[in-house]
Amino acid sequence: QVQLVESGGGLVQPGGSLRLSCAASGITFWLFAMGWYRQAPGKQRELVATITQRSATNYADSVKGRFTISRDNAKSTMYLQMNSLESEDTAVYFCTAKSRNGDDYWGQGTQVTVSS
């Protein structure tokens, strides 16, 4: 059974930092491209960042220079370091795993709230 479990969300003040983790099980982790998406209240789900099997990264313009995506294949875990957080970053953050043959998995999400 495939599981993607996000953790690390919470309440943080503007300008603060959080580190999200996504622990994967039931998949051969290094074969999957990984990503983070987010969905704010009343808005569509949007891409935050992706990391390929070879650790090439891609970011949404809104988070470039503030967020860093990384992966540890030995731990089957992906991370999202979020710095200089803004109220606009408030959302539920979802972890995704996609293989080249079309397998596509999502986690349940973790809430990030940026507020003073």
C-alpha atoms as a PDB file:
ATOM      1  CA  GLN A   1       0.000   0.000   0.000  1.00  0.00           C
ATOM      2  CA  VAL A   2       1.363   3.367  -1.053  1.00  0.00           C
ATOM      3  CA  GLN A   3       1.466   6.063   1.582  1.00  0.00           C
ATOM      4  CA  LEU A   4       2.692   9.638   1.429  1.00  0.00           C
ATOM      5  CA  VAL A   5       2.616  11.247   4.844  1.00  0.00           C
ATOM      6  CA  GLU A   6       3.225  14.957   5.207  1.00  0.00           C
ATOM      7  CA  SER A   7       4.368  16.548   8.437  1.00  0.00           C
ATOM      8  CA  GLY A   8       5.831  19.798   9.698  1.00  0.00           C
ATOM      9  CA  GLY A   9       2.948  22.154   9.073  1.00  0.00           C
ATOM     10  CA  GLY A  10       1.664  24.569  11.648  1.00  0.00           C
ATOM     11  CA  LEU A  11       1.178  28.192  12.608  1.00  0.00           C
ATOM     12  CA  VAL A  12       4.051  30.606  11.993  1.00  0.00           C
ATOM     13  CA  GLN A  13       4.405  34.366  12.000  1.00  0.00           C
ATOM     14  CA  PRO A  14       5.125  36.297   8.810  1.00  0.00           C
ATOM     15  CA  GLY A  15       8.831  36.154   8.062  1.00  0.00           C
ATOM     16  CA  GLY A  16       9.194  32.841   9.836  1.00  0.00           C
ATOM     17  CA  SER A  17      10.245  29.426   8.585  1.00  0.00           C
ATOM     18  CA  LEU A  18       8.872  25.917   8.456  1.00  0.00           C
ATOM     19  CA  ARG A  19      10.207  22.659   7.110  1.00  0.00           C
ATOM     20  CA  LEU A  20       7.738  20.203   5.639  1.00  0.00           C
ATOM     21  CA  SER A  21       8.519  16.523   5.247  1.00  0.00           C
ATOM     22  CA  CYS A  22       6.901  13.872   3.092  1.00  0.00           C
ATOM     23  CA  ALA A  23       7.654  10.287   4.088  1.00  0.00           C
ATOM     24  CA  ALA A  24       6.905   7.746   1.380  1.00  0.00           C
ATOM     25  CA  SER A  25       6.259   4.034   1.750  1.00  0.00           C
ATOM     26  CA  GLY A  26       5.106   1.334  -0.623  1.00  0.00           C
ATOM     27  CA  ILE A  27       6.986   2.778  -3.601  1.00  0.00           C
ATOM     28  CA  THR A  28      10.525   2.591  -4.946  1.00  0.00           C
ATOM     29  CA  PHE A  29      11.190   6.157  -3.981  1.00  0.00           C
ATOM     30  CA  TRP A  30      14.142   6.916  -6.260  1.00  0.00           C
ATOM     31  CA  LEU A  31      12.042   6.018  -9.316  1.00  0.00           C
ATOM     32  CA  PHE A  32       9.555   8.791  -8.605  1.00  0.00           C
ATOM     33  CA  ALA A  33       9.576  12.482  -9.303  1.00  0.00           C
ATOM     34  CA  MET A  34       8.280  14.254  -6.233  1.00  0.00           C
ATOM     35  CA  GLY A  35       6.482  17.509  -5.730  1.00  0.00           C
ATOM     36  CA  TRP A  36       4.641  19.873  -3.446  1.00  0.00           C
ATOM     37  CA  TYR A  37       1.332  21.479  -4.290  1.00  0.00           C
ATOM     38  CA  ARG A  38      -0.813  23.751  -2.163  1.00  0.00           C
ATOM     39  CA  GLN A  39      -4.410  24.831  -1.982  1.00  0.00           C
ATOM     40  CA  ALA A  40      -5.563  27.968  -0.227  1.00  0.00           C
ATOM     41  CA  PRO A  41      -9.195  28.479   0.828  1.00  0.00           C
ATOM     42  CA  GLY A  42     -11.328  29.345  -2.165  1.00  0.00           C
ATOM     43  CA  LYS A  43      -8.474  28.865  -4.619  1.00  0.00           C
ATOM     44  CA  GLN A  44      -7.375  26.173  -7.021  1.00  0.00           C
ATOM     45  CA  ARG A  45      -4.601  23.780  -6.142  1.00  0.00           C
ATOM     46  CA  GLU A  46      -1.278  25.090  -7.448  1.00  0.00           C
ATOM     47  CA  LEU A  47       2.201  23.779  -7.973  1.00  0.00           C
ATOM     48  CA  VAL A  48       4.788  24.883  -5.429  1.00  0.00           C
ATOM     49  CA  ALA A  49       7.905  22.921  -6.369  1.00  0.00           C
ATOM     50  CA  THR A  50       9.044  19.694  -7.968  1.00  0.00           C
ATOM     51  CA  ILE A  51      12.163  17.565  -7.835  1.00  0.00           C
ATOM     52  CA  THR A  52      13.021  14.908 -10.398  1.00  0.00           C
ATOM     53  CA  GLN A  53      14.523  11.497  -9.895  1.00  0.00           C
ATOM     54  CA  ARG A  54      17.916  13.100 -10.517  1.00  0.00           C
ATOM     55  CA  SER A  55      17.148  15.992  -8.126  1.00  0.00           C
ATOM     56  CA  ALA A  56      16.568  18.673 -10.744  1.00  0.00           C
ATOM     57  CA  THR A  57      14.260  21.240  -9.196  1.00  0.00           C
ATOM     58  CA  ASN A  58      11.539  23.588 -10.366  1.00  0.00           C
ATOM     59  CA  TYR A  59       9.685  26.289  -8.432  1.00  0.00           C
ATOM     60  CA  ALA A  60       6.625  28.447  -8.779  1.00  0.00           C
ATOM     61  CA  ASP A  61       7.619  32.081  -9.303  1.00  0.00           C
ATOM     62  CA  SER A  62       5.856  33.033  -6.073  1.00  0.00           C
ATOM     63  CA  VAL A  63       8.218  30.923  -3.940  1.00  0.00           C
ATOM     64  CA  LYS A  64      11.526  31.218  -5.812  1.00  0.00           C
ATOM     65  CA  GLY A  65      14.315  32.322  -3.523  1.00  0.00           C
ATOM     66  CA  ARG A  66      12.278  31.531  -0.403  1.00  0.00           C
ATOM     67  CA  PHE A  67      11.501  27.801  -0.636  1.00  0.00           C
ATOM     68  CA  THR A  68      13.888  24.897  -1.209  1.00  0.00           C
ATOM     69  CA  ILE A  69      12.803  21.394  -2.197  1.00  0.00           C
ATOM     70  CA  SER A  70      15.064  18.421  -1.540  1.00  0.00           C
ATOM     71  CA  ARG A  71      14.950  14.655  -1.259  1.00  0.00           C
ATOM     72  CA  ASP A  72      16.746  11.918   0.642  1.00  0.00           C
ATOM     73  CA  ASN A  73      16.387   8.687  -1.306  1.00  0.00           C
ATOM     74  CA  ALA A  74      17.932   6.645   1.510  1.00  0.00           C
ATOM     75  CA  LYS A  75      15.117   7.785   3.807  1.00  0.00           C
ATOM     76  CA  SER A  76      12.385   7.821   1.127  1.00  0.00           C
ATOM     77  CA  THR A  77      11.626  11.345   2.240  1.00  0.00           C
ATOM     78  CA  MET A  78      11.161  14.682   0.528  1.00  0.00           C
ATOM     79  CA  TYR A  79      11.434  18.072   2.182  1.00  0.00           C
ATOM     80  CA  LEU A  80      10.312  21.628   1.623  1.00  0.00           C
ATOM     81  CA  GLN A  81      12.226  24.298   3.502  1.00  0.00           C
ATOM     82  CA  MET A  82      10.088  27.416   3.598  1.00  0.00           C
ATOM     83  CA  ASN A  83      11.669  30.710   4.624  1.00  0.00           C
ATOM     84  CA  SER A  84      10.408  34.295   4.703  1.00  0.00           C
ATOM     85  CA  LEU A  85       6.857  33.032   4.890  1.00  0.00           C
ATOM     86  CA  GLU A  86       4.055  35.367   3.893  1.00  0.00           C
ATOM     87  CA  SER A  87       0.346  35.323   4.631  1.00  0.00           C
ATOM     88  CA  GLU A  88      -0.196  34.356   0.997  1.00  0.00           C
ATOM     89  CA  ASP A  89       1.610  31.087   1.696  1.00  0.00           C
ATOM     90  CA  THR A  90      -1.244  29.980   3.957  1.00  0.00           C
ATOM     91  CA  ALA A  91      -2.641  26.779   2.466  1.00  0.00           C
ATOM     92  CA  VAL A  92      -2.858  23.039   2.768  1.00  0.00           C
ATOM     93  CA  TYR A  93       0.348  21.597   1.338  1.00  0.00           C
ATOM     94  CA  PHE A  94       0.228  18.270  -0.492  1.00  0.00           C
ATOM     95  CA  CYS A  95       3.009  15.868  -1.348  1.00  0.00           C
ATOM     96  CA  THR A  96       2.944  14.065  -4.713  1.00  0.00           C
ATOM     97  CA  ALA A  97       4.858  11.188  -6.253  1.00  0.00           C
ATOM     98  CA  LYS A  98       4.819  10.509 -10.005  1.00  0.00           C
ATOM     99  CA  SER A  99       6.572   7.766 -11.923  1.00  0.00           C
ATOM    100  CA  ARG A 100       7.515   7.714 -15.593  1.00  0.00           C
ATOM    101  CA  ASN A 101       4.934   5.020 -16.295  1.00  0.00           C
ATOM    102  CA  GLY A 102       2.064   7.154 -15.013  1.00  0.00           C
ATOM    103  CA  ASP A 103       1.695   6.173 -11.365  1.00  0.00           C
ATOM    104  CA  ASP A 104       0.511   9.246  -9.469  1.00  0.00           C
ATOM    105  CA  TYR A 105       0.078   9.403  -5.718  1.00  0.00           C
ATOM    106  CA  TRP A 106      -0.947  12.159  -3.316  1.00  0.00           C
ATOM    107  CA  GLY A 107      -0.699  12.649   0.406  1.00  0.00           C
ATOM    108  CA  GLN A 108      -3.480  13.886   2.654  1.00  0.00           C
ATOM    109  CA  GLY A 109      -1.950  17.305   3.159  1.00  0.00           C
ATOM    110  CA  THR A 110      -0.623  19.402   6.013  1.00  0.00           C
ATOM    111  CA  GLN A 111      -1.907  22.823   7.000  1.00  0.00           C
ATOM    112  CA  VAL A 112       0.424  25.801   6.937  1.00  0.00           C
ATOM    113  CA  THR A 113      -0.910  29.020   8.439  1.00  0.00           C
ATOM    114  CA  VAL A 114       1.087  32.237   8.311  1.00  0.00           C
ATOM    115  CA  SER A 115      -0.385  34.805  10.646  1.00  0.00           C
ATOM    116  CA  SER A 116       0.593  37.238  13.353  1.00  0.00           C
END
